[in-house]
Amino acid sequence: MRIRIRLFSDESRIATLCNTRCYVWSPINSRYKSKYTCKTLKYGGISLLGWGEIREDGYRILIQCHPKLGSQEYQEVLCIGLSALCTPKMVFMQDGPLCRRFSLTLAYLDNKNVCLVCDWPAQSPYLNIIENMWALLKKNTVNPPISTTSH
């Protein structure tokens, strides 16, 4: 039996502002001094929802998605993404969010003759190589300097 080439997909939110946890060690009775505090920003910046797929041979595509990805929007993304990288001899792997399990989405994939792995676990970085690609992309997204003044 010949092993088919696998095509991995996933979506992820990418933000230009990311408040990471910051630990500060301060002497007793000095916790509110400015040199022991970290500036944070609750709102602002740009947040994009991206959908990507990567073949195990390294070919990949990244598509900006609608901020709220429902079945119809997901099918529009699949129309672009699958036509770019998928061939009849591939197995398409996606995890199981609701927009991917809708009967209309599954019917769309069936109509396109896509060989689909249906029981793929969600958020499994050890199984889905695209999770590593998202981590690298987010790591290389540079935060702009925080400002409390308006321009």
C-alpha atoms as a PDB file:
ATOM      1  CA  MET A   1       0.000   0.000   0.000  1.00  0.00           C
ATOM      2  CA  ARG A   2       1.376   3.402  -1.022  1.00  0.00           C
ATOM      3  CA  ILE A   3       1.368   6.124   1.652  1.00  0.00           C
ATOM      4  CA  ARG A   4      -0.281   9.315   0.492  1.00  0.00           C
ATOM      5  CA  ILE A   5       1.219  12.750   0.992  1.00  0.00           C
ATOM      6  CA  ARG A   6      -0.453  14.567   3.854  1.00  0.00           C
ATOM      7  CA  LEU A   7      -1.737  18.120   3.834  1.00  0.00           C
ATOM      8  CA  PHE A   8      -2.110  19.773   7.254  1.00  0.00           C
ATOM      9  CA  SER A   9      -4.318  22.790   7.969  1.00  0.00           C
ATOM     10  CA  ASP A  10      -5.271  25.010  10.871  1.00  0.00           C
ATOM     11  CA  GLU A  11      -6.218  28.566  11.668  1.00  0.00           C
ATOM     12  CA  SER A  12      -4.763  30.914  14.239  1.00  0.00           C
ATOM     13  CA  ARG A  13      -5.284  34.464  15.444  1.00  0.00           C
ATOM     14  CA  ILE A  14      -2.224  36.649  14.966  1.00  0.00           C
ATOM     15  CA  ALA A  15      -2.008  39.889  16.955  1.00  0.00           C
ATOM     16  CA  THR A  16       0.481  42.728  16.656  1.00  0.00           C
ATOM     17  CA  LEU A  17       0.106  43.452  20.360  1.00  0.00           C
ATOM     18  CA  CYS A  18       0.638  40.632  22.753  1.00  0.00           C
ATOM     19  CA  ASN A  19       0.767  41.082  26.495  1.00  0.00           C
ATOM     20  CA  THR A  20       2.857  38.269  27.799  1.00  0.00           C
ATOM     21  CA  ARG A  21       3.093  37.483  31.468  1.00  0.00           C
ATOM     22  CA  CYS A  22       5.753  39.548  33.169  1.00  0.00           C
ATOM     23  CA  TYR A  23       7.230  38.628  36.535  1.00  0.00           C
ATOM     24  CA  VAL A  24       8.806  41.365  38.628  1.00  0.00           C
ATOM     25  CA  TRP A  25      10.692  40.839  41.851  1.00  0.00           C
ATOM     26  CA  SER A  26      10.510  43.872  44.083  1.00  0.00           C
ATOM     27  CA  PRO A  27      11.750  44.642  47.578  1.00  0.00           C
ATOM     28  CA  ILE A  28       9.216  44.811  50.421  1.00  0.00           C
ATOM     29  CA  ASN A  29       7.053  48.002  50.367  1.00  0.00           C
ATOM     30  CA  SER A  30       8.139  48.987  46.850  1.00  0.00           C
ATOM     31  CA  ARG A  31       5.683  47.186  44.560  1.00  0.00           C
ATOM     32  CA  TYR A  32       4.066  50.366  43.187  1.00  0.00           C
ATOM     33  CA  LYS A  33       7.306  52.121  42.283  1.00  0.00           C
ATOM     34  CA  SER A  34       7.576  52.618  38.517  1.00  0.00           C
ATOM     35  CA  LYS A  35      10.801  50.662  38.163  1.00  0.00           C
ATOM     36  CA  TYR A  36       8.987  47.543  39.450  1.00  0.00           C
ATOM     37  CA  THR A  37       5.926  47.730  37.196  1.00  0.00           C
ATOM     38  CA  CYS A  38       5.270  46.589  33.635  1.00  0.00           C
ATOM     39  CA  LYS A  39       3.237  48.614  31.168  1.00  0.00           C
ATOM     40  CA  THR A  40       0.373  46.749  29.557  1.00  0.00           C
ATOM     41  CA  LEU A  41      -2.170  47.571  26.911  1.00  0.00           C
ATOM     42  CA  LYS A  42      -5.573  45.918  27.078  1.00  0.00           C
ATOM     43  CA  TYR A  43      -6.902  46.948  23.653  1.00  0.00           C
ATOM     44  CA  GLY A  44      -5.422  48.088  20.388  1.00  0.00           C
ATOM     45  CA  GLY A  45      -3.223  46.814  17.647  1.00  0.00           C
ATOM     46  CA  ILE A  46      -4.266  44.599  14.808  1.00  0.00           C
ATOM     47  CA  SER A  47      -5.602  41.084  15.124  1.00  0.00           C
ATOM     48  CA  LEU A  48      -5.995  38.900  12.058  1.00  0.00           C
ATOM     49  CA  LEU A  49      -7.345  35.408  11.681  1.00  0.00           C
ATOM     50  CA  GLY A  50      -5.175  33.401   9.359  1.00  0.00           C
ATOM     51  CA  TRP A  51      -5.718  29.955   7.885  1.00  0.00           C
ATOM     52  CA  GLY A  52      -2.785  28.017   6.645  1.00  0.00           C
ATOM     53  CA  GLU A  53      -1.972  24.686   5.173  1.00  0.00           C
ATOM     54  CA  ILE A  54       1.327  22.981   4.697  1.00  0.00           C
ATOM     55  CA  ARG A  55       2.201  19.855   2.786  1.00  0.00           C
ATOM     56  CA  GLU A  56       4.711  17.499   4.297  1.00  0.00           C
ATOM     57  CA  ASP A  57       7.043  18.334   1.398  1.00  0.00           C
ATOM     58  CA  GLY A  58       7.146  21.969   2.625  1.00  0.00           C
ATOM     59  CA  TYR A  59       4.811  23.766   0.215  1.00  0.00           C
ATOM     60  CA  ARG A  60       2.512  26.064   2.180  1.00  0.00           C
ATOM     61  CA  ILE A  61      -0.104  28.777   1.895  1.00  0.00           C
ATOM     62  CA  LEU A  62      -1.444  31.388   4.321  1.00  0.00           C
ATOM     63  CA  ILE A  63      -4.850  33.010   3.810  1.00  0.00           C
ATOM     64  CA  GLN A  64      -6.402  35.856   5.789  1.00  0.00           C
ATOM     65  CA  CYS A  65      -9.860  34.797   6.992  1.00  0.00           C
ATOM     66  CA  HIS A  66     -13.053  36.492   8.058  1.00  0.00           C
ATOM     67  CA  PRO A  67     -12.723  37.346  11.795  1.00  0.00           C
ATOM     68  CA  LYS A  68     -15.626  35.008  12.620  1.00  0.00           C
ATOM     69  CA  LEU A  69     -15.066  31.817  10.712  1.00  0.00           C
ATOM     70  CA  GLY A  70     -18.340  29.986  10.082  1.00  0.00           C
ATOM     71  CA  SER A  71     -19.093  27.171   7.669  1.00  0.00           C
ATOM     72  CA  GLN A  72     -19.631  29.426   4.632  1.00  0.00           C
ATOM     73  CA  GLU A  73     -16.470  31.460   5.288  1.00  0.00           C
ATOM     74  CA  TYR A  74     -14.482  28.279   5.858  1.00  0.00           C
ATOM     75  CA  GLN A  75     -15.665  26.864   2.534  1.00  0.00           C
ATOM     76  CA  GLU A  76     -14.491  30.054   0.793  1.00  0.00           C
ATOM     77  CA  VAL A  77     -11.047  29.599   2.390  1.00  0.00           C
ATOM     78  CA  LEU A  78     -10.988  25.930   1.380  1.00  0.00           C
ATOM     79  CA  CYS A  79     -11.833  26.868  -2.202  1.00  0.00           C
ATOM     80  CA  ILE A  80      -8.625  28.915  -2.387  1.00  0.00           C
ATOM     81  CA  GLY A  81      -6.404  26.748  -0.199  1.00  0.00           C
ATOM     82  CA  LEU A  82      -7.255  23.329  -1.554  1.00  0.00           C
ATOM     83  CA  SER A  83      -7.009  24.422  -5.163  1.00  0.00           C
ATOM     84  CA  ALA A  84      -3.511  25.743  -4.453  1.00  0.00           C
ATOM     85  CA  LEU A  85      -1.949  22.683  -2.802  1.00  0.00           C
ATOM     86  CA  CYS A  86      -4.265  19.670  -2.819  1.00  0.00           C
ATOM     87  CA  THR A  87      -4.059  16.897  -5.396  1.00  0.00           C
ATOM     88  CA  PRO A  88      -6.173  13.721  -5.633  1.00  0.00           C
ATOM     89  CA  LYS A  89      -3.429  11.629  -4.009  1.00  0.00           C
ATOM     90  CA  MET A  90      -3.373  13.632  -0.767  1.00  0.00           C
ATOM     91  CA  VAL A  91      -4.888  13.119   2.646  1.00  0.00           C
ATOM     92  CA  PHE A  92      -6.240  16.375   4.106  1.00  0.00           C
ATOM     93  CA  MET A  93      -5.893  16.728   7.874  1.00  0.00           C
ATOM     94  CA  GLN A  94      -7.838  19.274   9.903  1.00  0.00           C
ATOM     95  CA  ASP A  95      -8.834  19.345  13.548  1.00  0.00           C
ATOM     96  CA  GLY A  96     -12.427  19.504  14.708  1.00  0.00           C
ATOM     97  CA  PRO A  97     -13.776  23.025  15.400  1.00  0.00           C
ATOM     98  CA  LEU A  98     -17.471  23.503  14.750  1.00  0.00           C
ATOM     99  CA  CYS A  99     -17.092  25.289  11.386  1.00  0.00           C
ATOM    100  CA  ARG A 100     -15.265  22.221  10.066  1.00  0.00           C
ATOM    101  CA  ARG A 101     -17.805  19.683  11.319  1.00  0.00           C
ATOM    102  CA  PHE A 102     -20.920  21.290   9.836  1.00  0.00           C
ATOM    103  CA  SER A 103     -22.652  19.004   7.372  1.00  0.00           C
ATOM    104  CA  LEU A 104     -22.369  21.672   4.646  1.00  0.00           C
ATOM    105  CA  THR A 105     -18.587  21.851   5.110  1.00  0.00           C
ATOM    106  CA  LEU A 106     -18.218  18.071   5.076  1.00  0.00           C
ATOM    107  CA  ALA A 107     -20.470  17.871   1.991  1.00  0.00           C
ATOM    108  CA  TYR A 108     -18.281  20.503   0.291  1.00  0.00           C
ATOM    109  CA  LEU A 109     -15.144  18.443   0.950  1.00  0.00           C
ATOM    110  CA  ASP A 110     -16.892  15.270  -0.188  1.00  0.00           C
ATOM    111  CA  ASN A 111     -18.065  17.005  -3.378  1.00  0.00           C
ATOM    112  CA  LYS A 112     -14.434  18.039  -4.073  1.00  0.00           C
ATOM    113  CA  ASN A 113     -13.311  14.383  -3.553  1.00  0.00           C
ATOM    114  CA  VAL A 114     -10.993  15.353  -0.709  1.00  0.00           C
ATOM    115  CA  CYS A 115      -9.646  12.413   1.292  1.00  0.00           C
ATOM    116  CA  LEU A 116     -10.229  13.679   4.827  1.00  0.00           C
ATOM    117  CA  VAL A 117      -9.000  12.452   8.195  1.00  0.00           C
ATOM    118  CA  CYS A 118     -12.075  12.993  10.383  1.00  0.00           C
ATOM    119  CA  ASP A 119     -10.857  12.148  13.879  1.00  0.00           C
ATOM    120  CA  TRP A 120      -7.861  14.474  14.030  1.00  0.00           C
ATOM    121  CA  PRO A 121      -7.370  15.784  17.609  1.00  0.00           C
ATOM    122  CA  ALA A 122      -7.600  19.553  18.147  1.00  0.00           C
ATOM    123  CA  GLN A 123      -4.496  21.569  19.091  1.00  0.00           C
ATOM    124  CA  SER A 124      -2.049  18.705  18.795  1.00  0.00           C
ATOM    125  CA  PRO A 125       1.366  20.276  18.121  1.00  0.00           C
ATOM    126  CA  TYR A 126       3.059  16.891  18.157  1.00  0.00           C
ATOM    127  CA  LEU A 127       0.907  15.630  15.311  1.00  0.00           C
ATOM    128  CA  ASN A 128       0.156  18.664  13.172  1.00  0.00           C
ATOM    129  CA  ILE A 129       3.280  20.284  11.737  1.00  0.00           C
ATOM    130  CA  ILE A 130       1.433  23.540  11.076  1.00  0.00           C
ATOM    131  CA  GLU A 131       1.278  24.267  14.836  1.00  0.00           C
ATOM    132  CA  ASN A 132       5.051  24.763  14.739  1.00  0.00           C
ATOM    133  CA  MET A 133       4.687  27.141  11.786  1.00  0.00           C
ATOM    134  CA  TRP A 134       2.168  29.252  13.761  1.00  0.00           C
ATOM    135  CA  ALA A 135       4.547  29.370  16.736  1.00  0.00           C
ATOM    136  CA  LEU A 136       7.394  30.655  14.540  1.00  0.00           C
ATOM    137  CA  LEU A 137       5.145  33.239  12.873  1.00  0.00           C
ATOM    138  CA  LYS A 138       3.888  34.556  16.216  1.00  0.00           C
ATOM    139  CA  LYS A 139       7.383  34.600  17.682  1.00  0.00           C
ATOM    140  CA  ASN A 140       8.582  36.740  14.764  1.00  0.00           C
ATOM    141  CA  THR A 141       5.658  39.182  14.970  1.00  0.00           C
ATOM    142  CA  VAL A 142       7.198  42.276  16.511  1.00  0.00           C
ATOM    143  CA  ASN A 143       5.240  44.244  19.118  1.00  0.00           C
ATOM    144  CA  PRO A 144       5.237  48.000  18.452  1.00  0.00           C
ATOM    145  CA  PRO A 145       6.254  50.196  21.396  1.00  0.00           C
ATOM    146  CA  ILE A 146       3.447  50.846  23.895  1.00  0.00           C
ATOM    147  CA  SER A 147       2.280  54.454  24.107  1.00  0.00           C
ATOM    148  CA  THR A 148      -0.325  56.016  26.370  1.00  0.00           C
ATOM    149  CA  THR A 149      -0.552  59.227  24.345  1.00  0.00           C
ATOM    150  CA  SER A 150      -2.829  59.704  21.358  1.00  0.00           C
ATOM    151  CA  HIS A 151      -1.459  61.032  18.081  1.00  0.00           C
END
